[in-house]
Full PDB file with SEQRES, HELIX, SHEET, SSBOND, CRYST1, ORIGX, SCALE, CONECT and MASTER records, all heavy atoms in Angstrom:
SEQRES   1 A   32  LEU ALA ILE SER ARG VAL GLN LEU TYR ARG LYS ILE LYS          
SEQRES   2 A   32  LYS LEU THR ASP LYS THR PRO ALA ASP PHE ILE ARG SER          
SEQRES   3 A   32  PHE ARG LEU GLN GLU ALA                                      
HELIX    1 AA1 ARG A    5  THR A   16  1                                  12    
HELIX    2 AA2 PRO A   20  GLU A   31  1                                  12    
CRYST1    1.000    1.000    1.000  90.00  90.00  90.00 P 1           1          
ORIGX1      1.000000  0.000000  0.000000        0.00000                         
ORIGX2      0.000000  1.000000  0.000000        0.00000                         
ORIGX3      0.000000  0.000000  1.000000        0.00000                         
SCALE1      1.000000  0.000000  0.000000        0.00000                         
SCALE2      0.000000  1.000000  0.000000        0.00000                         
SCALE3      0.000000  0.000000  1.000000        0.00000                         
ATOM      1  N   LEU A   1      95.924 103.946  81.344  1.00  0.00           N  
ATOM      2  CA  LEU A   1      95.937 102.882  82.415  1.00  0.00           C  
ATOM      3  C   LEU A   1      95.052 101.685  81.981  1.00  0.00           C  
ATOM      4  O   LEU A   1      95.001 100.725  82.716  1.00  0.00           O  
ATOM      5  CB  LEU A   1      95.361 103.465  83.748  1.00  0.00           C  
ATOM      6  CG  LEU A   1      96.226 104.509  84.386  1.00  0.00           C  
ATOM      7  CD1 LEU A   1      95.514 105.153  85.614  1.00  0.00           C  
ATOM      8  CD2 LEU A   1      97.520 103.807  84.946  1.00  0.00           C  
ATOM      9  N   ALA A   2      94.413 101.818  80.868  1.00  0.00           N  
ATOM     10  CA  ALA A   2      93.578 100.774  80.222  1.00  0.00           C  
ATOM     11  C   ALA A   2      92.437 100.355  81.164  1.00  0.00           C  
ATOM     12  O   ALA A   2      92.183  99.142  81.402  1.00  0.00           O  
ATOM     13  CB  ALA A   2      94.483  99.543  79.900  1.00  0.00           C  
ATOM     14  N   ILE A   3      91.754 101.316  81.693  1.00  0.00           N  
ATOM     15  CA  ILE A   3      90.540 101.140  82.500  1.00  0.00           C  
ATOM     16  C   ILE A   3      89.492 102.155  82.080  1.00  0.00           C  
ATOM     17  O   ILE A   3      89.815 103.157  81.466  1.00  0.00           O  
ATOM     18  CB  ILE A   3      90.904 101.285  84.113  1.00  0.00           C  
ATOM     19  CG1 ILE A   3      91.419 102.634  84.382  1.00  0.00           C  
ATOM     20  CG2 ILE A   3      91.880 100.172  84.474  1.00  0.00           C  
ATOM     21  CD1 ILE A   3      91.643 102.853  85.858  1.00  0.00           C  
ATOM     22  N   SER A   4      88.226 101.854  82.481  1.00  0.00           N  
ATOM     23  CA  SER A   4      87.178 102.794  82.123  1.00  0.00           C  
ATOM     24  C   SER A   4      87.162 104.034  83.024  1.00  0.00           C  
ATOM     25  O   SER A   4      87.868 104.026  84.003  1.00  0.00           O  
ATOM     26  CB  SER A   4      85.888 102.093  82.290  1.00  0.00           C  
ATOM     27  OG  SER A   4      85.569 101.815  83.580  1.00  0.00           O  
ATOM     28  N   ARG A   5      86.515 105.052  82.630  1.00  0.00           N  
ATOM     29  CA  ARG A   5      86.385 106.280  83.391  1.00  0.00           C  
ATOM     30  C   ARG A   5      85.776 105.996  84.742  1.00  0.00           C  
ATOM     31  O   ARG A   5      86.200 106.582  85.753  1.00  0.00           O  
ATOM     32  CB  ARG A   5      85.532 107.317  82.601  1.00  0.00           C  
ATOM     33  CG  ARG A   5      86.258 108.035  81.499  1.00  0.00           C  
ATOM     34  CD  ARG A   5      85.403 109.162  80.953  1.00  0.00           C  
ATOM     35  NE  ARG A   5      85.285 110.162  82.080  1.00  0.00           N  
ATOM     36  CZ  ARG A   5      84.604 111.237  81.812  1.00  0.00           C  
ATOM     37  NH1 ARG A   5      83.976 111.544  80.705  1.00  0.00           N  
ATOM     38  NH2 ARG A   5      84.513 112.178  82.847  1.00  0.00           N  
ATOM     39  N   VAL A   6      84.816 105.117  84.769  1.00  0.00           N  
ATOM     40  CA  VAL A   6      84.212 104.744  86.039  1.00  0.00           C  
ATOM     41  C   VAL A   6      85.121 104.058  86.956  1.00  0.00           C  
ATOM     42  O   VAL A   6      85.213 104.411  88.198  1.00  0.00           O  
ATOM     43  CB  VAL A   6      82.924 103.880  85.813  1.00  0.00           C  
ATOM     44  CG1 VAL A   6      82.372 103.338  87.123  1.00  0.00           C  
ATOM     45  CG2 VAL A   6      81.881 104.561  85.024  1.00  0.00           C  
ATOM     46  N   GLN A   7      86.010 103.163  86.472  1.00  0.00           N  
ATOM     47  CA  GLN A   7      86.958 102.498  87.268  1.00  0.00           C  
ATOM     48  C   GLN A   7      87.977 103.449  87.750  1.00  0.00           C  
ATOM     49  O   GLN A   7      88.357 103.328  88.908  1.00  0.00           O  
ATOM     50  CB  GLN A   7      87.606 101.339  86.394  1.00  0.00           C  
ATOM     51  CG  GLN A   7      86.752 100.164  86.127  1.00  0.00           C  
ATOM     52  CD  GLN A   7      87.400  99.148  85.209  1.00  0.00           C  
ATOM     53  OE1 GLN A   7      87.964  99.460  84.184  1.00  0.00           O  
ATOM     54  NE2 GLN A   7      87.390  97.901  85.594  1.00  0.00           N  
ATOM     55  N   LEU A   8      88.449 104.324  86.935  1.00  0.00           N  
ATOM     56  CA  LEU A   8      89.374 105.293  87.322  1.00  0.00           C  
ATOM     57  C   LEU A   8      88.877 106.208  88.421  1.00  0.00           C  
ATOM     58  O   LEU A   8      89.535 106.473  89.449  1.00  0.00           O  
ATOM     59  CB  LEU A   8      89.758 106.270  86.048  1.00  0.00           C  
ATOM     60  CG  LEU A   8      90.765 107.279  86.429  1.00  0.00           C  
ATOM     61  CD1 LEU A   8      92.160 106.769  86.649  1.00  0.00           C  
ATOM     62  CD2 LEU A   8      90.865 108.335  85.275  1.00  0.00           C  
ATOM     63  N   TYR A   9      87.597 106.665  88.283  1.00  0.00           N  
ATOM     64  CA  TYR A   9      86.998 107.436  89.337  1.00  0.00           C  
ATOM     65  C   TYR A   9      86.952 106.708  90.673  1.00  0.00           C  
ATOM     66  O   TYR A   9      87.335 107.249  91.720  1.00  0.00           O  
ATOM     67  CB  TYR A   9      85.656 107.912  88.900  1.00  0.00           C  
ATOM     68  CG  TYR A   9      84.892 108.753  90.006  1.00  0.00           C  
ATOM     69  CD1 TYR A   9      84.988 110.121  89.888  1.00  0.00           C  
ATOM     70  CD2 TYR A   9      84.146 108.131  90.969  1.00  0.00           C  
ATOM     71  CE1 TYR A   9      84.439 110.964  90.843  1.00  0.00           C  
ATOM     72  CE2 TYR A   9      83.543 108.973  91.943  1.00  0.00           C  
ATOM     73  CZ  TYR A   9      83.681 110.401  91.814  1.00  0.00           C  
ATOM     74  OH  TYR A   9      83.036 111.179  92.778  1.00  0.00           O  
ATOM     75  N   ARG A  10      86.512 105.450  90.642  1.00  0.00           N  
ATOM     76  CA  ARG A  10      86.411 104.721  91.866  1.00  0.00           C  
ATOM     77  C   ARG A  10      87.782 104.457  92.543  1.00  0.00           C  
ATOM     78  O   ARG A  10      87.921 104.667  93.737  1.00  0.00           O  
ATOM     79  CB  ARG A  10      85.740 103.378  91.606  1.00  0.00           C  
ATOM     80  CG  ARG A  10      84.284 103.503  91.284  1.00  0.00           C  
ATOM     81  CD  ARG A  10      83.727 102.129  90.919  1.00  0.00           C  
ATOM     82  NE  ARG A  10      82.203 102.193  90.595  1.00  0.00           N  
ATOM     83  CZ  ARG A  10      81.563 101.282  90.072  1.00  0.00           C  
ATOM     84  NH1 ARG A  10      82.148 100.080  89.620  1.00  0.00           N  
ATOM     85  NH2 ARG A  10      80.248 101.348  89.890  1.00  0.00           N  
ATOM     86  N   LYS A  11      88.802 104.216  91.651  1.00  0.00           N  
ATOM     87  CA  LYS A  11      90.094 103.868  92.189  1.00  0.00           C  
ATOM     88  C   LYS A  11      90.782 105.140  92.785  1.00  0.00           C  
ATOM     89  O   LYS A  11      91.356 105.129  93.859  1.00  0.00           O  
ATOM     90  CB  LYS A  11      90.894 103.323  91.134  1.00  0.00           C  
ATOM     91  CG  LYS A  11      92.200 102.630  91.477  1.00  0.00           C  
ATOM     92  CD  LYS A  11      91.871 101.179  91.785  1.00  0.00           C  
ATOM     93  CE  LYS A  11      93.103 100.311  91.947  1.00  0.00           C  
ATOM     94  NZ  LYS A  11      92.814  98.903  92.412  1.00  0.00           N  
ATOM     95  N   ILE A  12      90.758 106.212  92.051  1.00  0.00           N  
ATOM     96  CA  ILE A  12      91.327 107.441  92.483  1.00  0.00           C  
ATOM     97  C   ILE A  12      90.596 107.971  93.715  1.00  0.00           C  
ATOM     98  O   ILE A  12      91.270 108.415  94.719  1.00  0.00           O  
ATOM     99  CB  ILE A  12      91.326 108.524  91.426  1.00  0.00           C  
ATOM    100  CG1 ILE A  12      92.229 108.085  90.272  1.00  0.00           C  
ATOM    101  CG2 ILE A  12      91.852 109.858  91.991  1.00  0.00           C  
ATOM    102  CD1 ILE A  12      93.707 107.983  90.556  1.00  0.00           C  
ATOM    103  N   LYS A  13      89.360 107.908  93.762  1.00  0.00           N  
ATOM    104  CA  LYS A  13      88.552 108.414  94.942  1.00  0.00           C  
ATOM    105  C   LYS A  13      88.891 107.589  96.157  1.00  0.00           C  
ATOM    106  O   LYS A  13      89.016 108.161  97.200  1.00  0.00           O  
ATOM    107  CB  LYS A  13      87.092 108.272  94.530  1.00  0.00           C  
ATOM    108  CG  LYS A  13      86.214 109.012  95.574  1.00  0.00           C  
ATOM    109  CD  LYS A  13      86.286 110.434  95.646  1.00  0.00           C  
ATOM    110  CE  LYS A  13      85.257 111.118  96.608  1.00  0.00           C  
ATOM    111  NZ  LYS A  13      85.490 112.559  96.731  1.00  0.00           N  
ATOM    112  N   LYS A  14      88.994 106.253  95.922  1.00  0.00           N  
ATOM    113  CA  LYS A  14      89.301 105.401  97.047  1.00  0.00           C  
ATOM    114  C   LYS A  14      90.692 105.680  97.677  1.00  0.00           C  
ATOM    115  O   LYS A  14      90.871 105.680  98.878  1.00  0.00           O  
ATOM    116  CB  LYS A  14      89.191 103.964  96.570  1.00  0.00           C  
ATOM    117  CG  LYS A  14      89.715 102.896  97.591  1.00  0.00           C  
ATOM    118  CD  LYS A  14      89.914 101.538  96.890  1.00  0.00           C  
ATOM    119  CE  LYS A  14      90.675 100.575  97.785  1.00  0.00           C  
ATOM    120  NZ  LYS A  14      90.927  99.304  97.136  1.00  0.00           N  
ATOM    121  N   LEU A  15      91.626 105.895  96.747  1.00  0.00           N  
ATOM    122  CA  LEU A  15      93.019 106.041  97.261  1.00  0.00           C  
ATOM    123  C   LEU A  15      93.417 107.452  97.683  1.00  0.00           C  
ATOM    124  O   LEU A  15      94.279 107.584  98.545  1.00  0.00           O  
ATOM    125  CB  LEU A  15      94.009 105.546  96.250  1.00  0.00           C  
ATOM    126  CG  LEU A  15      93.939 103.961  95.894  1.00  0.00           C  
ATOM    127  CD1 LEU A  15      94.802 103.640  94.665  1.00  0.00           C  
ATOM    128  CD2 LEU A  15      94.171 103.159  97.000  1.00  0.00           C  
ATOM    129  N   THR A  16      92.767 108.389  97.156  1.00  0.00           N  
ATOM    130  CA  THR A  16      93.150 109.868  97.398  1.00  0.00           C  
ATOM    131  C   THR A  16      92.098 110.711  97.984  1.00  0.00           C  
ATOM    132  O   THR A  16      92.373 111.843  98.380  1.00  0.00           O  
ATOM    133  CB  THR A  16      93.750 110.501  96.202  1.00  0.00           C  
ATOM    134  OG1 THR A  16      92.688 110.666  95.229  1.00  0.00           O  
ATOM    135  CG2 THR A  16      94.795 109.633  95.506  1.00  0.00           C  
ATOM    136  N   ASP A  17      90.865 110.206  97.953  1.00  0.00           N  
ATOM    137  CA  ASP A  17      89.698 111.142  98.367  1.00  0.00           C  
ATOM    138  C   ASP A  17      89.564 112.214  97.402  1.00  0.00           C  
ATOM    139  O   ASP A  17      88.890 113.285  97.766  1.00  0.00           O  
ATOM    140  CB  ASP A  17      89.810 111.548  99.800  1.00  0.00           C  
ATOM    141  CG  ASP A  17      89.475 110.520 100.828  1.00  0.00           C  
ATOM    142  OD1 ASP A  17      88.740 109.635 100.510  1.00  0.00           O  
ATOM    143  OD2 ASP A  17      90.031 110.536 101.918  1.00  0.00           O  
ATOM    144  N   LYS A  18      90.104 112.172  96.126  1.00  0.00           N  
ATOM    145  CA  LYS A  18      89.880 113.213  95.213  1.00  0.00           C  
ATOM    146  C   LYS A  18      89.238 112.641  93.953  1.00  0.00           C  
ATOM    147  O   LYS A  18      89.377 111.449  93.678  1.00  0.00           O  
ATOM    148  CB  LYS A  18      91.249 113.822  94.779  1.00  0.00           C  
ATOM    149  CG  LYS A  18      91.937 114.609  95.889  1.00  0.00           C  
ATOM    150  CD  LYS A  18      93.238 115.233  95.307  1.00  0.00           C  
ATOM    151  CE  LYS A  18      93.927 116.090  96.215  1.00  0.00           C  
ATOM    152  NZ  LYS A  18      94.603 115.344  97.327  1.00  0.00           N  
ATOM    153  N   THR A  19      88.524 113.429  93.217  1.00  0.00           N  
ATOM    154  CA  THR A  19      88.035 113.004  91.939  1.00  0.00           C  
ATOM    155  C   THR A  19      89.340 112.974  90.995  1.00  0.00           C  
ATOM    156  O   THR A  19      90.271 113.568  91.262  1.00  0.00           O  
ATOM    157  CB  THR A  19      87.109 114.002  91.370  1.00  0.00           C  
ATOM    158  OG1 THR A  19      87.699 115.231  91.077  1.00  0.00           O  
ATOM    159  CG2 THR A  19      85.841 114.127  92.314  1.00  0.00           C  
ATOM    160  N   PRO A  20      89.226 112.222  89.851  1.00  0.00           N  
ATOM    161  CA  PRO A  20      90.394 112.228  88.942  1.00  0.00           C  
ATOM    162  C   PRO A  20      90.767 113.611  88.460  1.00  0.00           C  
ATOM    163  O   PRO A  20      91.958 113.916  88.380  1.00  0.00           O  
ATOM    164  CB  PRO A  20      89.819 111.350  87.760  1.00  0.00           C  
ATOM    165  CG  PRO A  20      88.834 110.416  88.402  1.00  0.00           C  
ATOM    166  CD  PRO A  20      88.198 111.294  89.505  1.00  0.00           C  
ATOM    167  N   ALA A  21      89.790 114.416  88.198  1.00  0.00           N  
ATOM    168  CA  ALA A  21      90.145 115.837  87.746  1.00  0.00           C  
ATOM    169  C   ALA A  21      90.870 116.624  88.809  1.00  0.00           C  
ATOM    170  O   ALA A  21      91.829 117.308  88.580  1.00  0.00           O  
ATOM    171  CB  ALA A  21      88.787 116.563  87.326  1.00  0.00           C  
ATOM    172  N   ASP A  22      90.434 116.495  90.132  1.00  0.00           N  
ATOM    173  CA  ASP A  22      91.074 117.141  91.224  1.00  0.00           C  
ATOM    174  C   ASP A  22      92.464 116.576  91.424  1.00  0.00           C  
ATOM    175  O   ASP A  22      93.411 117.296  91.782  1.00  0.00           O  
ATOM    176  CB  ASP A  22      90.233 117.069  92.507  1.00  0.00           C  
ATOM    177  CG  ASP A  22      88.969 117.922  92.394  1.00  0.00           C  
ATOM    178  OD1 ASP A  22      88.962 118.836  91.695  1.00  0.00           O  
ATOM    179  OD2 ASP A  22      88.034 117.583  93.172  1.00  0.00           O  
ATOM    180  N   PHE A  23      92.562 115.282  91.267  1.00  0.00           N  
ATOM    181  CA  PHE A  23      93.874 114.574  91.424  1.00  0.00           C  
ATOM    182  C   PHE A  23      94.864 115.088  90.496  1.00  0.00           C  
ATOM    183  O   PHE A  23      96.051 115.342  90.817  1.00  0.00           O  
ATOM    184  CB  PHE A  23      93.618 113.051  91.308  1.00  0.00           C  
ATOM    185  CG  PHE A  23      94.816 112.309  91.266  1.00  0.00           C  
ATOM    186  CD1 PHE A  23      95.730 112.112  92.402  1.00  0.00           C  
ATOM    187  CD2 PHE A  23      95.263 111.554  90.095  1.00  0.00           C  
ATOM    188  CE1 PHE A  23      96.856 111.383  92.355  1.00  0.00           C  
ATOM    189  CE2 PHE A  23      96.457 110.872  90.059  1.00  0.00           C  
ATOM    190  CZ  PHE A  23      97.227 110.740  91.234  1.00  0.00           C  
ATOM    191  N   ILE A  24      94.464 115.158  89.168  1.00  0.00           N  
ATOM    192  CA  ILE A  24      95.450 115.681  88.142  1.00  0.00           C  
ATOM    193  C   ILE A  24      95.795 117.095  88.374  1.00  0.00           C  
ATOM    194  O   ILE A  24      96.934 117.478  88.279  1.00  0.00           O  
ATOM    195  CB  ILE A  24      94.773 115.460  86.760  1.00  0.00           C  
ATOM    196  CG1 ILE A  24      94.559 113.963  86.441  1.00  0.00           C  
ATOM    197  CG2 ILE A  24      95.552 116.219  85.665  1.00  0.00           C  
ATOM    198  CD1 ILE A  24      93.697 113.757  85.174  1.00  0.00           C  
ATOM    199  N   ARG A  25      94.795 117.932  88.673  1.00  0.00           N  
ATOM    200  CA  ARG A  25      95.059 119.368  89.027  1.00  0.00           C  
ATOM    201  C   ARG A  25      96.004 119.534  90.168  1.00  0.00           C  
ATOM    202  O   ARG A  25      96.962 120.291  90.109  1.00  0.00           O  
ATOM    203  CB  ARG A  25      93.799 120.075  89.281  1.00  0.00           C  
ATOM    204  CG  ARG A  25      93.974 121.608  89.468  1.00  0.00           C  
ATOM    205  CD  ARG A  25      92.722 122.331  89.874  1.00  0.00           C  
ATOM    206  NE  ARG A  25      91.575 121.968  88.968  1.00  0.00           N  
ATOM    207  CZ  ARG A  25      90.520 121.267  89.358  1.00  0.00           C  
ATOM    208  NH1 ARG A  25      90.445 120.780  90.657  1.00  0.00           N  
ATOM    209  NH2 ARG A  25      89.570 120.940  88.646  1.00  0.00           N  
ATOM    210  N   SER A  26      95.764 118.645  91.223  1.00  0.00           N  
ATOM    211  CA  SER A  26      96.630 118.733  92.435  1.00  0.00           C  
ATOM    212  C   SER A  26      98.116 118.406  92.025  1.00  0.00           C  
ATOM    213  O   SER A  26      99.054 119.014  92.599  1.00  0.00           O  
ATOM    214  CB  SER A  26      96.092 117.822  93.459  1.00  0.00           C  
ATOM    215  OG  SER A  26      96.933 117.825  94.601  1.00  0.00           O  
ATOM    216  N   PHE A  27      98.248 117.312  91.191  1.00  0.00           N  
ATOM    217  CA  PHE A  27      99.533 116.899  90.819  1.00  0.00           C  
ATOM    218  C   PHE A  27     100.302 117.971  89.992  1.00  0.00           C  
ATOM    219  O   PHE A  27     101.443 118.281  90.312  1.00  0.00           O  
ATOM    220  CB  PHE A  27      99.462 115.641  89.897  1.00  0.00           C  
ATOM    221  CG  PHE A  27     100.767 115.094  89.380  1.00  0.00           C  
ATOM    222  CD1 PHE A  27     101.500 114.252  90.208  1.00  0.00           C  
ATOM    223  CD2 PHE A  27     101.292 115.514  88.202  1.00  0.00           C  
ATOM    224  CE1 PHE A  27     102.754 113.869  89.745  1.00  0.00           C  
ATOM    225  CE2 PHE A  27     102.379 115.077  87.732  1.00  0.00           C  
ATOM    226  CZ  PHE A  27     103.244 114.220  88.499  1.00  0.00           C  
ATOM    227  N   ARG A  28      99.583 118.669  89.141  1.00  0.00           N  
ATOM    228  CA  ARG A  28     100.183 119.738  88.325  1.00  0.00           C  
ATOM    229  C   ARG A  28     100.638 120.960  89.242  1.00  0.00           C  
ATOM    230  O   ARG A  28     101.658 121.464  89.145  1.00  0.00           O  
ATOM    231  CB  ARG A  28      99.206 120.293  87.360  1.00  0.00           C  
ATOM    232  CG  ARG A  28      98.855 119.302  86.226  1.00  0.00           C  
ATOM    233  CD  ARG A  28      97.955 119.934  85.154  1.00  0.00           C  
ATOM    234  NE  ARG A  28      97.438 119.091  84.119  1.00  0.00           N  
ATOM    235  CZ  ARG A  28      98.136 118.704  83.037  1.00  0.00           C  
ATOM    236  NH1 ARG A  28      99.355 119.155  82.877  1.00  0.00           N  
ATOM    237  NH2 ARG A  28      97.603 117.953  82.180  1.00  0.00           N  
ATOM    238  N   LEU A  29      99.720 121.271  90.282  1.00  0.00           N  
ATOM    239  CA  LEU A  29     100.084 122.320  91.168  1.00  0.00           C  
ATOM    240  C   LEU A  29     101.195 122.065  92.102  1.00  0.00           C  
ATOM    241  O   LEU A  29     102.085 122.892  92.398  1.00  0.00           O  
ATOM    242  CB  LEU A  29      98.798 122.684  92.008  1.00  0.00           C  
ATOM    243  CG  LEU A  29      97.687 123.324  91.293  1.00  0.00           C  
ATOM    244  CD1 LEU A  29      96.357 123.332  92.162  1.00  0.00           C  
ATOM    245  CD2 LEU A  29      98.046 124.803  90.870  1.00  0.00           C  
ATOM    246  N   GLN A  30     101.360 120.812  92.533  1.00  0.00           N  
ATOM    247  CA  GLN A  30     102.487 120.386  93.357  1.00  0.00           C  
ATOM    248  C   GLN A  30     103.732 120.432  92.559  1.00  0.00           C  
ATOM    249  O   GLN A  30     104.817 120.809  93.088  1.00  0.00           O  
ATOM    250  CB  GLN A  30     102.255 118.933  93.941  1.00  0.00           C  
ATOM    251  CG  GLN A  30     101.089 118.915  94.930  1.00  0.00           C  
ATOM    252  CD  GLN A  30     100.845 117.562  95.337  1.00  0.00           C  
ATOM    253  OE1 GLN A  30     101.525 116.573  95.044  1.00  0.00           O  
ATOM    254  NE2 GLN A  30      99.721 117.359  96.075  1.00  0.00           N  
ATOM    255  N   GLU A  31     103.738 120.106  91.292  1.00  0.00           N  
ATOM    256  CA  GLU A  31     104.914 120.135  90.493  1.00  0.00           C  
ATOM    257  C   GLU A  31     105.287 121.588  90.206  1.00  0.00           C  
ATOM    258  O   GLU A  31     106.475 121.968  90.239  1.00  0.00           O  
ATOM    259  CB  GLU A  31     104.676 119.478  89.116  1.00  0.00           C  
ATOM    260  CG  GLU A  31     104.615 117.923  89.228  1.00  0.00           C  
ATOM    261  CD  GLU A  31     105.968 117.330  89.653  1.00  0.00           C  
ATOM    262  OE1 GLU A  31     106.888 117.784  89.118  1.00  0.00           O  
ATOM    263  OE2 GLU A  31     105.889 116.508  90.554  1.00  0.00           O  
ATOM    264  N   ALA A  32     104.296 122.465  90.040  1.00  0.00           N  
ATOM    265  CA  ALA A  32     104.562 123.917  89.927  1.00  0.00           C  
ATOM    266  C   ALA A  32     105.198 124.484  91.188  1.00  0.00           C  
ATOM    267  O   ALA A  32     106.180 125.283  91.117  1.00  0.00           O  
ATOM    268  CB  ALA A  32     103.269 124.642  89.574  1.00  0.00           C  
TER     269      ALA A  32                                                      
MASTER        0    0    0    2    0    0    0    6  268    1    0    3          
END                                                                             
């Protein structure tokens, strides 16, 4: 996404209320 880890954290947290790690895990589980 061409952004820093800090920017990713803030953006994902703002939009989903999840940390990036939780967001990625949740996406994988939903696909499963």
